[in-house]
Protein backbone atom coordinates (compact mmCIF):
# COMPACT_ATOMS: atom_id res chain seq x y z
CA UNK A 1 -7.55 -33.54 -6.41
CA UNK A 2 -8.80 -34.69 -2.80
CA UNK A 3 -5.18 -36.07 -2.28
CA UNK A 4 -4.15 -32.63 -1.93
CA UNK A 5 -7.25 -31.18 -0.56
CA UNK A 6 -7.42 -29.34 3.33
CA UNK A 7 -10.28 -30.37 5.09
CA UNK A 8 -11.28 -28.66 8.65
CA UNK A 9 -13.62 -29.44 11.48
CA UNK A 10 -13.18 -27.49 14.57
CA UNK A 11 -15.73 -27.17 17.41
CA UNK A 12 -15.25 -25.82 20.63
CA UNK A 13 -17.09 -23.82 23.29
CA UNK A 14 -14.31 -21.75 24.65
CA UNK A 15 -11.88 -20.37 25.42
CA UNK A 16 -12.58 -19.00 21.72
CA UNK A 17 -15.89 -20.38 20.26
CA UNK A 18 -15.14 -22.31 17.23
CA UNK A 19 -17.98 -23.95 15.04
CA UNK A 20 -16.61 -24.34 11.35
CA UNK A 21 -16.38 -26.83 8.94
CA UNK A 22 -14.80 -26.20 5.28
CA UNK A 23 -12.46 -27.54 2.60
CA UNK A 24 -9.80 -25.98 0.30
CA UNK A 25 -8.67 -27.51 -2.90
CA UNK A 26 -5.14 -27.00 -4.26
CA UNK A 27 -4.85 -23.82 -6.19
CA UNK A 28 -7.82 -22.48 -4.39
CA UNK A 29 -7.66 -19.29 -2.20
CA UNK A 30 -9.86 -19.57 0.91
CA UNK A 31 -10.42 -16.21 2.55
CA UNK A 32 -11.58 -16.04 6.12
CA UNK A 33 -13.28 -12.86 6.68
CA UNK A 34 -14.89 -11.59 9.78
CA UNK A 35 -14.63 -9.14 12.62
CA UNK A 36 -11.73 -8.94 15.26
CA UNK A 37 -12.35 -11.42 17.77
CA UNK A 38 -14.28 -13.83 15.65
CA UNK A 39 -11.69 -16.56 15.66
CA UNK A 40 -9.92 -16.12 12.37
CA UNK A 41 -6.67 -16.70 13.87
CA UNK A 42 -7.43 -19.57 16.15
CA UNK A 43 -8.37 -21.42 13.08
CA UNK A 44 -5.20 -20.90 11.55
CA UNK A 45 -3.23 -21.91 14.59
CA UNK A 46 -5.65 -25.09 14.92
CA UNK A 47 -4.38 -25.90 11.25
CA UNK A 48 -0.86 -25.29 12.09
CA UNK A 49 -1.08 -27.43 15.24
CA UNK A 50 -0.54 -24.42 17.54
CA UNK A 51 -4.14 -24.79 19.35
CA UNK A 52 -5.47 -27.96 20.21
CA UNK A 53 -9.27 -27.64 19.67
CA UNK A 54 -11.79 -29.80 22.07
CA UNK A 55 -13.30 -31.54 19.05
CA UNK A 56 -12.02 -31.48 15.57
CA UNK A 57 -10.34 -32.77 12.43
CA UNK A 58 -7.71 -31.43 10.30
CA UNK A 59 -6.81 -33.40 7.29
CA UNK A 60 -4.24 -32.73 4.55
CA UNK A 61 -4.50 -34.85 1.44
CA UNK A 62 -4.07 -38.33 2.64
CA UNK A 63 -2.40 -36.98 6.18
CA UNK A 64 -4.51 -36.57 9.46
CA UNK A 65 -2.98 -34.15 11.44
CA UNK A 66 -5.84 -33.55 14.23
CA UNK A 67 -8.61 -36.09 14.79
CA UNK A 68 -9.61 -35.42 18.40
CA UNK A 69 -12.15 -38.65 18.29
CA UNK A 70 -8.99 -40.99 17.91
CA UNK A 71 -6.67 -38.90 20.04
CA UNK A 72 -4.49 -38.00 17.35
CA UNK A 73 -2.65 -34.26 17.41
CA UNK A 74 0.66 -34.16 15.49
CA UNK A 75 2.87 -31.44 16.62
CA UNK A 76 3.50 -28.28 14.30
CA UNK A 77 7.15 -29.95 13.13
CA UNK A 78 5.33 -32.87 12.07
CA UNK A 79 2.86 -30.69 9.83
CA UNK A 80 3.92 -29.44 6.40
CA UNK A 81 2.53 -26.28 6.92
CA UNK A 82 3.73 -22.66 5.67
CA UNK A 83 2.63 -19.97 8.00
CA UNK A 84 2.97 -16.21 7.10
CA UNK A 85 2.36 -14.40 10.24
CA UNK A 86 0.75 -10.96 10.64
CA UNK A 87 4.23 -9.68 11.75
CA UNK A 88 6.28 -11.68 9.68
CA UNK A 89 8.39 -13.06 12.72
CA UNK A 90 11.66 -12.77 11.28
CA UNK A 91 14.82 -13.21 13.22
CA UNK A 92 16.46 -9.85 13.38
CA UNK A 93 19.88 -11.12 13.57
CA UNK A 94 19.61 -13.28 10.62
CA UNK A 95 19.95 -12.16 6.89
CA UNK A 96 17.00 -12.84 4.30
CA UNK A 97 18.77 -15.81 3.01
CA UNK A 98 19.26 -16.98 6.75
CA UNK A 99 15.79 -16.32 7.74
CA UNK A 100 14.88 -18.69 4.81
CA UNK A 101 17.42 -21.31 5.71
CA UNK A 102 15.66 -21.71 9.22
CA UNK A 103 12.76 -23.50 7.12
CA UNK A 104 15.27 -25.86 5.34
CA UNK A 105 16.32 -28.19 8.08
CA UNK A 106 14.86 -30.93 6.30
CA UNK A 107 17.42 -30.32 3.52
CA UNK A 108 21.21 -31.28 3.62
CA UNK A 109 22.83 -28.73 4.88
CA UNK A 110 24.98 -28.13 1.93
CA UNK A 111 21.97 -27.27 -0.30
CA UNK A 112 20.31 -25.01 2.13
CA UNK A 113 21.88 -21.78 0.88
CA UNK A 114 21.22 -22.45 -2.79
CA UNK A 115 17.68 -23.44 -2.12
CA UNK A 116 17.15 -20.23 0.08
CA UNK A 117 18.34 -17.73 -2.76
CA UNK A 118 16.02 -19.84 -5.61
CA UNK A 119 12.92 -19.22 -3.03
CA UNK A 120 14.15 -15.42 -2.67
CA UNK A 121 14.44 -14.99 -6.44
CA UNK A 122 10.79 -16.66 -6.42
CA UNK A 123 9.72 -13.59 -4.66
CA UNK A 124 12.00 -11.08 -6.48
CA UNK A 125 14.37 -10.54 -3.80
CA UNK A 126 17.35 -12.10 -5.70
CA UNK A 127 19.60 -8.92 -4.54
CA UNK A 128 18.29 -8.98 -1.04
CA UNK A 129 19.87 -12.23 0.41
CA UNK A 130 22.18 -10.73 2.55
CA UNK A 131 20.10 -7.85 4.11
CA UNK A 132 18.80 -8.23 7.78
CA UNK A 133 15.10 -7.26 8.31
CA UNK A 134 15.88 -3.83 9.58
CA UNK A 135 17.53 -3.06 6.24
CA UNK A 136 14.29 -4.33 4.33
CA UNK A 137 10.81 -2.27 3.68
CA UNK A 138 7.69 -3.93 5.12
CA UNK A 139 6.83 -5.34 1.69
CA UNK A 140 10.36 -7.00 1.35
CA UNK A 141 10.09 -8.65 4.91
CA UNK A 142 6.62 -9.75 3.92
CA UNK A 143 8.23 -11.60 0.94
CA UNK A 144 11.05 -12.90 2.99
CA UNK A 145 8.38 -14.35 5.44
CA UNK A 146 6.36 -15.73 2.26
CA UNK A 147 9.88 -17.31 0.94
CA UNK A 148 10.47 -18.82 4.40
CA UNK A 149 7.03 -20.49 4.30
CA UNK A 150 7.76 -22.01 1.09
CA UNK A 151 10.94 -23.67 2.20
CA UNK A 152 9.17 -25.86 4.42
CA UNK A 153 7.50 -27.38 1.10
CA UNK A 154 4.36 -27.07 2.60
CA UNK A 155 0.87 -28.93 1.90
CA UNK A 156 -1.10 -26.01 2.72
CA UNK A 157 -0.03 -22.12 3.07
CA UNK A 158 -1.69 -19.81 5.91
CA UNK A 159 -1.38 -16.16 5.59
CA UNK A 160 -2.75 -14.00 8.87
CA UNK A 161 -3.46 -10.49 8.05
CA UNK A 162 -0.20 -10.57 5.72
CA UNK A 163 -0.57 -7.05 4.19
CA UNK A 164 -1.86 -5.19 7.50
CA UNK A 165 1.57 -3.71 7.90
CA UNK A 166 1.88 -2.11 4.50
CA UNK A 167 0.37 1.01 2.79
CA UNK A 168 -2.10 0.81 0.22
CA UNK A 169 -0.06 0.63 -2.69
CA UNK A 170 2.47 -1.74 -1.63
CA UNK A 171 -0.68 -3.69 -0.49
CA UNK A 172 -1.63 -4.06 -3.99
CA UNK A 173 1.61 -5.11 -5.41
CA UNK A 174 1.82 -7.70 -2.83
CA UNK A 175 -1.68 -8.88 -3.52
CA UNK A 176 -0.67 -9.25 -7.25
CA UNK A 177 2.44 -11.16 -6.34
CA UNK A 178 0.72 -13.46 -4.16
CA UNK A 179 -1.86 -14.14 -6.59
CA UNK A 180 0.75 -14.85 -9.12
CA UNK A 181 2.71 -17.13 -6.63
CA UNK A 182 -0.36 -19.25 -5.72
CA UNK A 183 -0.68 -20.25 -9.42
CA UNK A 184 2.89 -21.98 -9.29
CA UNK A 185 2.53 -23.81 -6.09
CA UNK A 186 -0.83 -25.36 -6.38
CA UNK A 187 -1.20 -25.88 -2.81
CA UNK A 188 -4.37 -24.82 -1.02
CA UNK A 189 -3.97 -21.13 0.66
CA UNK A 190 -6.07 -19.97 3.53
CA UNK A 191 -6.08 -16.28 3.88
CA UNK A 192 -7.45 -14.35 7.07
CA UNK A 193 -8.24 -10.69 6.81
CA UNK A 194 -10.40 -8.23 7.73
CA UNK A 195 -9.97 -6.20 4.48
CA UNK A 196 -12.27 -6.91 1.85
CA UNK A 197 -10.51 -5.85 -0.81
CA UNK A 198 -7.96 -8.69 0.01
CA UNK A 199 -10.98 -10.92 -0.46
CA UNK A 200 -12.12 -9.22 -3.81
CA UNK A 201 -8.51 -9.40 -5.27
CA UNK A 202 -7.45 -12.70 -4.15
CA UNK A 203 -9.90 -15.18 -2.90
CA UNK A 204 -11.63 -17.78 -5.03
CA UNK A 205 -13.52 -18.98 -2.02
CA UNK A 206 -15.04 -17.27 1.04
CA UNK A 207 -15.76 -18.15 4.60
CA UNK A 208 -17.58 -15.81 6.71
CA UNK A 209 -17.31 -15.81 10.53
CA UNK A 210 -18.90 -14.25 13.21
CA UNK A 211 -18.28 -14.85 16.75
CA UNK A 212 -16.52 -18.26 15.88
CA UNK A 213 -19.40 -19.59 13.88
CA UNK A 214 -19.30 -19.90 10.08
CA UNK A 215 -21.91 -17.62 8.69
CA UNK A 216 -21.65 -18.83 4.94
CA UNK A 217 -19.06 -20.56 2.95
CA UNK A 218 -18.68 -20.93 -0.91
CA UNK A 219 -17.40 -19.71 -3.84
CA UNK A 220 -16.75 -15.82 -4.04
CA UNK A 221 -19.24 -15.55 -6.81
CA UNK A 222 -21.98 -17.23 -5.01
CA UNK A 223 -21.53 -15.59 -1.52
CA UNK A 224 -21.11 -12.00 -2.79
CA UNK A 225 -24.27 -12.10 -4.74
CA UNK A 226 -26.33 -13.31 -1.69
CA UNK A 227 -28.78 -10.78 -0.21
CA UNK A 228 -28.83 -12.23 3.18
CA UNK A 229 -25.46 -11.55 4.81
CA UNK A 230 -26.12 -8.72 7.51
CA UNK A 231 -22.44 -8.59 8.89
CA UNK A 232 -21.06 -8.22 5.24
CA UNK A 233 -23.65 -5.79 4.44
CA UNK A 234 -22.90 -3.75 7.42
CA UNK A 235 -19.10 -3.85 7.21
CA UNK A 236 -18.45 -3.28 3.54
CA UNK A 237 -21.88 -3.03 1.66
CA UNK A 238 -22.91 -5.78 -0.63
CA UNK A 239 -22.11 -6.22 -4.09
CA UNK A 240 -21.74 -9.04 -6.65
CA UNK A 241 -18.28 -9.92 -7.65
CA UNK A 242 -17.29 -12.18 -10.78
CA UNK A 243 -14.60 -12.60 -13.19
CA UNK A 244 -14.58 -11.36 -16.57
CA UNK A 245 -12.58 -11.21 -19.76
CA UNK A 246 -12.13 -8.04 -21.46
CA UNK A 247 -13.55 -7.59 -25.07
CA UNK A 248 -13.10 -4.67 -27.34
CA UNK A 249 -11.35 -1.50 -26.10
CA UNK A 250 -13.40 1.67 -26.94
CA UNK A 251 -10.68 4.27 -25.89
CA UNK A 252 -11.87 6.85 -27.74
CA UNK A 253 -15.05 7.20 -25.62
CA UNK A 254 -12.91 5.99 -22.65
CA UNK A 255 -14.86 2.51 -22.41
CA UNK A 256 -13.94 -0.94 -22.43
CA UNK A 257 -16.18 -3.89 -22.67
CA UNK A 258 -16.38 -6.63 -20.00
CA UNK A 259 -17.72 -10.08 -20.94
CA UNK A 260 -18.90 -12.72 -18.46
CA UNK A 261 -21.52 -15.40 -18.67
CA UNK A 262 -23.31 -14.08 -21.71
CA UNK A 263 -23.59 -10.69 -20.91
CA UNK A 264 -21.44 -7.74 -21.93
CA UNK A 265 -20.81 -4.52 -19.68
CA UNK A 266 -19.40 -1.22 -20.56
CA UNK A 267 -17.01 -0.02 -17.95
CA UNK A 268 -14.98 3.60 -17.78
CA UNK A 269 -11.34 2.15 -18.40
CA UNK A 270 -8.84 3.23 -21.00
CA UNK A 271 -6.09 0.96 -19.77
CA UNK A 272 -7.35 -2.39 -20.19
CA UNK A 273 -6.18 -4.68 -23.33
CA UNK A 274 -8.57 -7.33 -25.04
CA UNK A 275 -8.68 -10.85 -23.89
CA UNK A 276 -7.04 -9.58 -20.39
CA UNK A 277 -8.81 -11.39 -17.38
CA UNK A 278 -10.20 -9.27 -14.86
CA UNK A 279 -12.10 -9.21 -11.76
CA UNK A 280 -15.17 -6.66 -10.95
CA UNK A 281 -17.04 -5.78 -8.28
CA UNK A 282 -20.80 -3.83 -8.60
CA UNK A 283 -21.90 -2.41 -5.46
CA UNK A 284 -25.74 -3.23 -4.83
CA UNK A 285 -26.20 0.63 -4.14
CA UNK A 286 -25.21 1.19 -7.88
CA UNK A 287 -27.83 -0.99 -9.67
CA UNK A 288 -31.05 0.61 -10.49
CA UNK A 289 -33.99 -1.26 -11.45
CA UNK A 290 -36.85 -0.55 -14.03
CA UNK A 291 -39.52 -2.55 -15.44
CA UNK A 292 -38.90 -1.72 -19.10
CA UNK A 293 -35.76 -0.59 -21.04
CA UNK A 294 -35.41 3.39 -20.49
CA UNK A 295 -34.83 5.89 -23.01
CA UNK A 296 -32.63 9.21 -23.22
CA UNK A 297 -30.48 8.18 -20.15
CA UNK A 298 -26.93 8.67 -20.02
CA UNK A 299 -25.69 5.33 -18.44
CA UNK A 300 -24.36 2.49 -20.72
CA UNK A 301 -25.60 -0.59 -19.18
CA UNK A 302 -29.14 -1.77 -19.30
CA UNK A 303 -29.27 -5.26 -18.73
CA UNK A 304 -32.44 -7.44 -19.07
CA UNK A 305 -32.80 -10.25 -16.21
CA UNK A 306 -35.11 -11.93 -13.96
CA UNK A 307 -35.78 -11.46 -10.22
CA UNK A 308 -34.55 -14.36 -8.07
CA UNK A 309 -35.00 -13.23 -4.64
CA UNK A 310 -36.33 -10.36 -2.58
CA UNK A 311 -34.93 -10.23 0.81
CA UNK A 312 -36.32 -8.12 3.74
CA UNK A 313 -34.27 -7.85 7.03
CA UNK A 314 -35.81 -5.77 9.84
CA UNK A 315 -32.59 -4.32 10.64
CA UNK A 316 -32.17 -2.46 7.35
CA UNK A 317 -34.33 0.17 6.17
CA UNK A 318 -33.79 -1.09 2.29
CA UNK A 319 -34.56 -4.46 0.71
CA UNK A 320 -31.90 -6.51 -1.35
CA UNK A 321 -33.09 -7.70 -4.81
CA UNK A 322 -31.16 -10.58 -6.39
CA UNK A 323 -31.64 -10.88 -10.13
CA UNK A 324 -30.26 -13.31 -12.61
CA UNK A 325 -28.51 -11.72 -15.93
CA UNK A 326 -27.75 -14.49 -17.88
CA UNK A 327 -25.47 -16.79 -16.02
CA UNK A 328 -24.39 -14.10 -13.38
CA UNK A 329 -26.27 -12.92 -10.12
CA UNK A 330 -26.48 -9.12 -9.49
CA UNK A 331 -27.87 -7.62 -6.35
CA UNK A 332 -29.96 -4.08 -6.02
CA UNK A 333 -30.62 -2.40 -2.71
CA UNK A 334 -33.65 -0.40 -3.08
CA UNK A 335 -36.27 1.10 -1.10
CA UNK A 336 -39.55 -0.81 0.25
CA UNK A 337 -41.39 1.87 -1.65
CA UNK A 338 -39.85 0.93 -4.68
CA UNK A 339 -40.39 -2.77 -4.30
CA UNK A 340 -43.80 -2.11 -3.57
CA UNK A 341 -44.71 0.47 -6.56
CA UNK A 342 -42.87 -1.62 -9.11
CA UNK A 343 -44.35 -4.82 -7.49
CA UNK A 344 -41.02 -6.44 -7.84
CA UNK A 345 -41.36 -10.33 -6.73
CA UNK A 346 -39.55 -13.68 -7.87
CA UNK A 347 -39.96 -14.60 -11.34
CA UNK A 348 -40.48 -11.08 -12.83
CA UNK A 349 -38.67 -9.85 -15.64
CA UNK A 350 -36.39 -6.63 -14.78
CA UNK A 351 -34.22 -4.48 -16.27
CA UNK A 352 -30.51 -3.70 -14.31
CA UNK A 353 -29.32 0.02 -14.93
CA UNK A 354 -25.59 0.48 -14.12
CA UNK A 355 -23.43 3.23 -14.73
CA UNK A 356 -20.14 2.69 -16.30
CA UNK A 357 -18.27 4.46 -13.66
CA UNK A 358 -20.16 2.05 -10.96
CA UNK A 359 -18.33 -1.07 -12.15
CA UNK A 360 -15.44 -1.44 -9.95
CA UNK A 361 -12.70 -3.47 -12.10
CA UNK A 362 -10.59 -4.48 -8.86
CA UNK A 363 -7.74 -6.60 -10.62
CA UNK A 364 -6.09 -5.67 -13.75
CA UNK A 365 -3.59 -8.93 -13.38
CA UNK A 366 -4.79 -12.28 -13.91
CA UNK A 367 -7.74 -12.71 -11.66
CA UNK A 368 -7.61 -15.76 -9.18
CA UNK A 369 -10.56 -17.15 -10.91
CA UNK A 370 -13.40 -19.25 -10.16
CA UNK A 371 -15.64 -21.38 -13.10
CA UNK A 372 -18.29 -19.40 -14.49
CA UNK A 373 -20.44 -22.41 -13.92
CA UNK A 374 -20.58 -21.40 -10.39
CA UNK A 375 -22.43 -18.23 -11.05
CA UNK A 376 -25.15 -20.60 -12.06
CA UNK A 377 -26.75 -20.82 -8.57
CA UNK A 378 -27.80 -18.21 -6.51
CA UNK A 379 -26.89 -19.98 -3.13
CA UNK A 380 -23.80 -21.81 -2.11
């Protein structure tokens, strides 16, 4: 897969600080997540050739687009990049098909209209080819922008806050469509976002950025189970994210089984069907720890595990406990008193108690996926 992998190394002191190194393989979705002004969009612009870093390298497969040490900097038109901008940047005087055709200059003129219509069909806009942007909803304009980005037959697809201009319901539908689409194009996809829901629903990998520096980078499962990421803890709250498959439906009880890494969870859901792939998130604040299995309680999930880390941060009142349950890692946010009273320490057997209503099933479509093997290690 190295012949289609995107490799990026960017370093500069200003005007926007950058200190990042990462790779993204075909079929992967790397979400770049961080606060406003942290350099997320500058990274995309550097990949696309719209920004020249002081020091850096950008390589897509066997092609090198930027290598400052060799004095190489390919202009944007020589880079096979599809770019979906936050405001979509559609030409208002052109139809949907016309906008897509602007990116088909590499094809014979006689083929461009038919190819534009094929791409619009791919994003479910077959009947909208002759409408101008003003006649389209925000979600429809976004899909035209995606079709135009794909028209370049890109080696990498870049998306800068692609859901920022639509409401929550449309956002979720578009997230599902992008997830389905990225499985068909099988190229690296880089997603810039400040909304953690985008990360949870779409990403396979995560780059956490703060003030231009990469705080952490790795698989989504590994990073969301880390207890030592203070910016994420402040912004969204820590919580483990992992893929699972649906086991038995217990509709009469309003529950469903979720199977992952040798563990079975009961979640509150009547709609999931057996065998479906889902992505789930368990917030650290929703995990209760016990030294022995409790009796006579209302919650459904009591999981035997082992403490793998206890993390204390002076900036936070509570401690983060990481525990291994089979092949997965969970986080529990607990008081210092609880850690002292229960003598919680690495290597200690522990029981994780989780209410079924606290298990957040965030994707009912085929989840973006990452190997369960990646859940074996607590760190990336």
